[in-house]
N, C-alpha and C. Protein backbone atom coordinates (compact mmCIF):
# COMPACT_ATOMS: atom_id res chain seq x y z
N UNK A 1 122.08 176.66 107.48
CA UNK A 1 122.18 175.29 107.06
C UNK A 1 122.21 174.34 108.23
N UNK A 2 122.58 174.78 109.39
CA UNK A 2 122.57 173.93 110.56
C UNK A 2 123.72 172.93 110.59
N UNK A 3 124.84 173.26 109.97
CA UNK A 3 125.99 172.36 110.00
C UNK A 3 126.95 172.75 111.10
N UNK A 4 127.69 171.79 111.58
CA UNK A 4 128.75 172.06 112.55
C UNK A 4 129.94 171.18 112.24
N UNK A 5 131.10 171.60 112.72
CA UNK A 5 132.33 170.85 112.48
C UNK A 5 132.60 169.94 113.66
N UNK A 6 133.10 168.77 113.34
CA UNK A 6 133.49 167.83 114.39
C UNK A 6 134.59 166.94 113.86
N UNK A 7 135.16 166.16 114.73
CA UNK A 7 136.21 165.26 114.29
C UNK A 7 135.63 163.92 113.87
N UNK A 8 136.34 163.28 112.98
CA UNK A 8 135.94 161.97 112.46
C UNK A 8 137.21 161.20 112.16
N UNK A 9 137.27 159.96 112.63
CA UNK A 9 138.44 159.13 112.36
C UNK A 9 138.09 158.16 111.24
N UNK A 10 138.91 158.17 110.19
CA UNK A 10 138.66 157.30 109.06
C UNK A 10 139.65 157.54 107.96
N UNK A 11 139.35 156.97 106.80
CA UNK A 11 140.26 157.04 105.67
C UNK A 11 139.64 157.86 104.55
N UNK A 12 140.39 158.83 104.09
CA UNK A 12 140.00 159.64 102.94
C UNK A 12 141.20 159.66 102.01
N UNK A 13 140.96 159.31 100.75
CA UNK A 13 142.02 159.27 99.74
C UNK A 13 143.22 158.44 100.22
N UNK A 14 142.92 157.26 100.77
CA UNK A 14 143.91 156.30 101.25
C UNK A 14 144.74 156.81 102.43
N UNK A 15 144.26 157.86 103.08
CA UNK A 15 144.96 158.43 104.24
C UNK A 15 144.07 158.27 105.47
N UNK A 16 144.51 157.45 106.42
CA UNK A 16 143.76 157.26 107.65
C UNK A 16 144.25 158.27 108.67
N UNK A 17 143.29 159.02 109.22
CA UNK A 17 143.64 160.08 110.18
C UNK A 17 142.37 160.51 110.91
N UNK A 18 142.54 161.47 111.78
CA UNK A 18 141.39 162.14 112.40
C UNK A 18 141.17 163.41 111.59
N UNK A 19 139.99 163.53 111.02
CA UNK A 19 139.67 164.61 110.10
C UNK A 19 138.61 165.52 110.71
N UNK A 20 138.62 166.77 110.27
CA UNK A 20 137.50 167.67 110.55
C UNK A 20 136.45 167.43 109.47
N UNK A 21 135.24 167.14 109.92
CA UNK A 21 134.17 166.85 108.98
C UNK A 21 132.93 167.64 109.39
N UNK A 22 132.04 167.85 108.43
CA UNK A 22 130.77 168.51 108.72
C UNK A 22 129.76 167.48 109.22
N UNK A 23 128.95 167.92 110.15
CA UNK A 23 127.82 167.15 110.67
C UNK A 23 126.58 168.00 110.53
N UNK A 24 125.43 167.34 110.28
CA UNK A 24 124.19 168.11 110.17
C UNK A 24 123.61 168.37 111.56
N UNK A 25 122.50 169.06 111.59
CA UNK A 25 121.90 169.46 112.88
C UNK A 25 121.43 168.26 113.70
N UNK A 26 121.28 167.10 113.05
CA UNK A 26 120.89 165.89 113.78
C UNK A 26 122.09 165.07 114.23
N UNK A 27 123.27 165.56 113.93
CA UNK A 27 124.48 164.86 114.34
C UNK A 27 124.97 163.83 113.35
N UNK A 28 124.37 163.81 112.17
CA UNK A 28 124.79 162.86 111.14
C UNK A 28 125.95 163.42 110.33
N UNK A 29 126.91 162.57 110.06
CA UNK A 29 128.04 162.95 109.24
C UNK A 29 127.57 163.33 107.84
N UNK A 30 128.03 164.45 107.32
CA UNK A 30 127.72 164.85 105.96
C UNK A 30 128.72 164.13 105.06
N UNK A 31 128.20 163.31 104.15
CA UNK A 31 129.06 162.49 103.32
C UNK A 31 129.76 163.30 102.24
N UNK A 32 130.98 162.87 101.94
CA UNK A 32 131.70 163.44 100.80
C UNK A 32 131.10 162.87 99.52
N UNK A 33 131.38 163.50 98.40
CA UNK A 33 130.81 163.06 97.13
C UNK A 33 131.14 161.60 96.85
N UNK A 34 132.38 161.18 97.07
CA UNK A 34 132.77 159.79 96.82
C UNK A 34 132.02 158.84 97.76
N UNK A 35 131.83 159.26 99.01
CA UNK A 35 131.09 158.44 99.96
C UNK A 35 129.64 158.28 99.51
N UNK A 36 129.04 159.37 99.01
CA UNK A 36 127.67 159.29 98.50
C UNK A 36 127.58 158.33 97.32
N UNK A 37 128.57 158.39 96.41
CA UNK A 37 128.58 157.47 95.26
C UNK A 37 128.72 156.03 95.74
N UNK A 38 129.60 155.81 96.73
CA UNK A 38 129.78 154.46 97.27
C UNK A 38 128.51 153.93 97.90
N UNK A 39 127.82 154.78 98.66
CA UNK A 39 126.56 154.39 99.29
C UNK A 39 125.52 154.06 98.23
N UNK A 40 125.44 154.89 97.20
CA UNK A 40 124.47 154.66 96.12
C UNK A 40 124.80 153.39 95.35
N UNK A 41 126.08 153.16 95.10
CA UNK A 41 126.51 151.95 94.39
C UNK A 41 126.14 150.71 95.21
N UNK A 42 126.37 150.76 96.52
CA UNK A 42 126.02 149.64 97.40
C UNK A 42 124.51 149.42 97.43
N UNK A 43 123.74 150.51 97.50
CA UNK A 43 122.30 150.39 97.51
C UNK A 43 121.80 149.78 96.21
N UNK A 44 122.39 150.20 95.09
CA UNK A 44 121.98 149.67 93.79
C UNK A 44 122.33 148.18 93.69
N UNK A 45 123.48 147.79 94.20
CA UNK A 45 123.88 146.39 94.18
C UNK A 45 122.93 145.55 95.03
N UNK A 46 122.58 146.05 96.20
CA UNK A 46 121.63 145.34 97.06
C UNK A 46 120.28 145.20 96.38
N UNK A 47 119.85 146.23 95.67
CA UNK A 47 118.57 146.18 94.96
C UNK A 47 118.64 145.15 93.82
N UNK A 48 119.76 145.11 93.11
CA UNK A 48 119.92 144.10 92.05
C UNK A 48 119.87 142.70 92.64
N UNK A 49 120.55 142.50 93.76
CA UNK A 49 120.54 141.19 94.41
C UNK A 49 119.13 140.81 94.86
N UNK A 50 118.40 141.78 95.42
CA UNK A 50 117.03 141.52 95.85
C UNK A 50 116.16 141.16 94.65
N UNK A 51 116.33 141.89 93.56
CA UNK A 51 115.55 141.61 92.35
C UNK A 51 115.90 140.23 91.79
N UNK A 52 117.18 139.87 91.82
CA UNK A 52 117.58 138.54 91.35
C UNK A 52 116.96 137.45 92.21
N UNK A 53 116.96 137.64 93.54
CA UNK A 53 116.35 136.65 94.43
C UNK A 53 114.85 136.54 94.16
N UNK A 54 114.20 137.68 93.95
CA UNK A 54 112.76 137.67 93.68
C UNK A 54 112.48 136.95 92.36
N UNK A 55 113.29 137.20 91.35
CA UNK A 55 113.10 136.55 90.06
C UNK A 55 113.30 135.04 90.19
N UNK A 56 114.30 134.63 90.95
CA UNK A 56 114.55 133.20 91.18
C UNK A 56 113.36 132.57 91.88
N UNK A 57 112.82 133.26 92.88
CA UNK A 57 111.66 132.75 93.61
C UNK A 57 110.46 132.60 92.68
N UNK A 58 110.24 133.59 91.84
CA UNK A 58 109.11 133.52 90.89
C UNK A 58 109.30 132.35 89.93
N UNK A 59 110.51 132.16 89.44
CA UNK A 59 110.77 131.04 88.52
C UNK A 59 110.54 129.70 89.23
N UNK A 60 110.99 129.59 90.48
CA UNK A 60 110.77 128.35 91.23
C UNK A 60 109.29 128.10 91.44
N UNK A 61 108.54 129.13 91.76
CA UNK A 61 107.09 128.98 91.97
C UNK A 61 106.39 128.60 90.67
N UNK A 62 106.80 129.18 89.56
CA UNK A 62 106.22 128.81 88.27
C UNK A 62 106.49 127.34 87.96
N UNK A 63 107.72 126.91 88.23
CA UNK A 63 108.08 125.52 87.99
C UNK A 63 107.25 124.59 88.87
N UNK A 64 107.10 124.94 90.15
CA UNK A 64 106.28 124.12 91.06
C UNK A 64 104.83 124.09 90.60
N UNK A 65 104.30 125.24 90.19
CA UNK A 65 102.91 125.29 89.72
C UNK A 65 102.72 124.44 88.48
N UNK A 66 103.69 124.48 87.55
CA UNK A 66 103.58 123.66 86.35
C UNK A 66 103.63 122.18 86.71
N UNK A 67 104.49 121.80 87.64
CA UNK A 67 104.55 120.40 88.06
C UNK A 67 103.22 119.96 88.67
N UNK A 68 102.63 120.84 89.47
CA UNK A 68 101.34 120.53 90.08
C UNK A 68 100.25 120.40 89.01
N UNK A 69 100.23 121.32 88.06
CA UNK A 69 99.26 121.23 86.97
C UNK A 69 99.44 119.94 86.18
N UNK A 70 100.70 119.57 85.94
CA UNK A 70 100.96 118.33 85.21
C UNK A 70 100.45 117.11 85.99
N UNK A 71 100.69 117.10 87.32
CA UNK A 71 100.20 115.97 88.13
C UNK A 71 98.69 115.90 88.13
N UNK A 72 98.04 117.06 88.26
CA UNK A 72 96.57 117.10 88.25
C UNK A 72 96.05 116.62 86.90
N UNK A 73 96.66 117.08 85.81
CA UNK A 73 96.23 116.66 84.48
C UNK A 73 96.41 115.16 84.31
N UNK A 74 97.52 114.63 84.80
CA UNK A 74 97.77 113.19 84.69
C UNK A 74 96.73 112.40 85.49
N UNK A 75 96.42 112.87 86.69
CA UNK A 75 95.40 112.19 87.50
C UNK A 75 94.04 112.24 86.81
N UNK A 76 93.71 113.39 86.23
CA UNK A 76 92.44 113.52 85.52
C UNK A 76 92.39 112.58 84.33
N UNK A 77 93.50 112.47 83.60
CA UNK A 77 93.54 111.56 82.46
C UNK A 77 93.36 110.12 82.93
N UNK A 78 93.99 109.78 84.04
CA UNK A 78 93.84 108.42 84.59
C UNK A 78 92.40 108.15 85.01
N UNK A 79 91.76 109.14 85.61
CA UNK A 79 90.36 108.98 86.03
C UNK A 79 89.46 108.77 84.81
N UNK A 80 89.67 109.58 83.79
CA UNK A 80 88.87 109.46 82.58
C UNK A 80 89.09 108.09 81.95
N UNK A 81 90.32 107.66 81.87
CA UNK A 81 90.62 106.35 81.28
C UNK A 81 89.97 105.25 82.10
N UNK A 82 90.03 105.37 83.42
CA UNK A 82 89.42 104.36 84.28
C UNK A 82 87.91 104.33 84.10
N UNK A 83 87.28 105.51 84.03
CA UNK A 83 85.83 105.58 83.80
C UNK A 83 85.45 104.96 82.46
N UNK A 84 86.24 105.27 81.45
CA UNK A 84 85.96 104.71 80.11
C UNK A 84 86.12 103.20 80.13
N UNK A 85 87.14 102.74 80.82
CA UNK A 85 87.34 101.29 80.92
C UNK A 85 86.16 100.64 81.63
N UNK A 86 85.69 101.25 82.72
CA UNK A 86 84.53 100.72 83.44
C UNK A 86 83.29 100.72 82.57
N UNK A 87 83.09 101.75 81.77
CA UNK A 87 81.93 101.81 80.88
C UNK A 87 81.97 100.68 79.85
N UNK A 88 83.18 100.48 79.29
CA UNK A 88 83.32 99.40 78.32
C UNK A 88 83.03 98.05 78.97
N UNK A 89 83.54 97.86 80.18
CA UNK A 89 83.29 96.60 80.89
C UNK A 89 81.80 96.41 81.16
N UNK A 90 81.10 97.50 81.52
CA UNK A 90 79.65 97.42 81.76
C UNK A 90 78.91 97.04 80.48
N UNK A 91 79.45 97.45 79.36
CA UNK A 91 78.83 97.11 78.07
C UNK A 91 79.26 95.73 77.57
N UNK A 92 80.10 95.07 78.36
CA UNK A 92 80.56 93.73 78.00
C UNK A 92 81.70 93.74 77.00
N UNK A 93 82.41 94.85 76.91
CA UNK A 93 83.53 94.95 75.97
C UNK A 93 84.82 94.93 76.78
N UNK A 94 85.72 94.05 76.36
CA UNK A 94 87.02 93.99 77.03
C UNK A 94 87.87 95.14 76.50
N UNK A 95 88.24 96.09 77.39
CA UNK A 95 89.00 97.25 76.91
C UNK A 95 90.39 96.88 76.41
N UNK A 96 90.89 95.71 76.79
CA UNK A 96 92.23 95.30 76.36
C UNK A 96 92.19 94.52 75.04
N UNK A 97 90.99 94.19 74.58
CA UNK A 97 90.91 93.42 73.32
C UNK A 97 91.10 94.36 72.15
N UNK A 98 91.61 93.77 71.09
CA UNK A 98 91.81 94.56 69.89
C UNK A 98 90.60 94.39 68.99
N UNK A 99 90.09 95.49 68.55
CA UNK A 99 88.87 95.45 67.71
C UNK A 99 89.17 95.12 66.29
């Protein structure tokens, strides 16, 4: 398995001490089951936070895109209205008069 014993200073079951712990062949501490669960819980929380940030960013971009589409549509409507008004004026019709 390539494990070796070494000392480690830390807290296990609310007891802070220097403990004998297993290390792998690369010198990495072999985690206890509770430590593995804690690491996985932290990783899952970080992933949830990342997903929440990504969702917020997507919502903000959708909102910005909708605002841009609304502005473009409004400008297009104004252009069409202006063109129609100019056409009526060319035909000698006052666009502000009531028919």
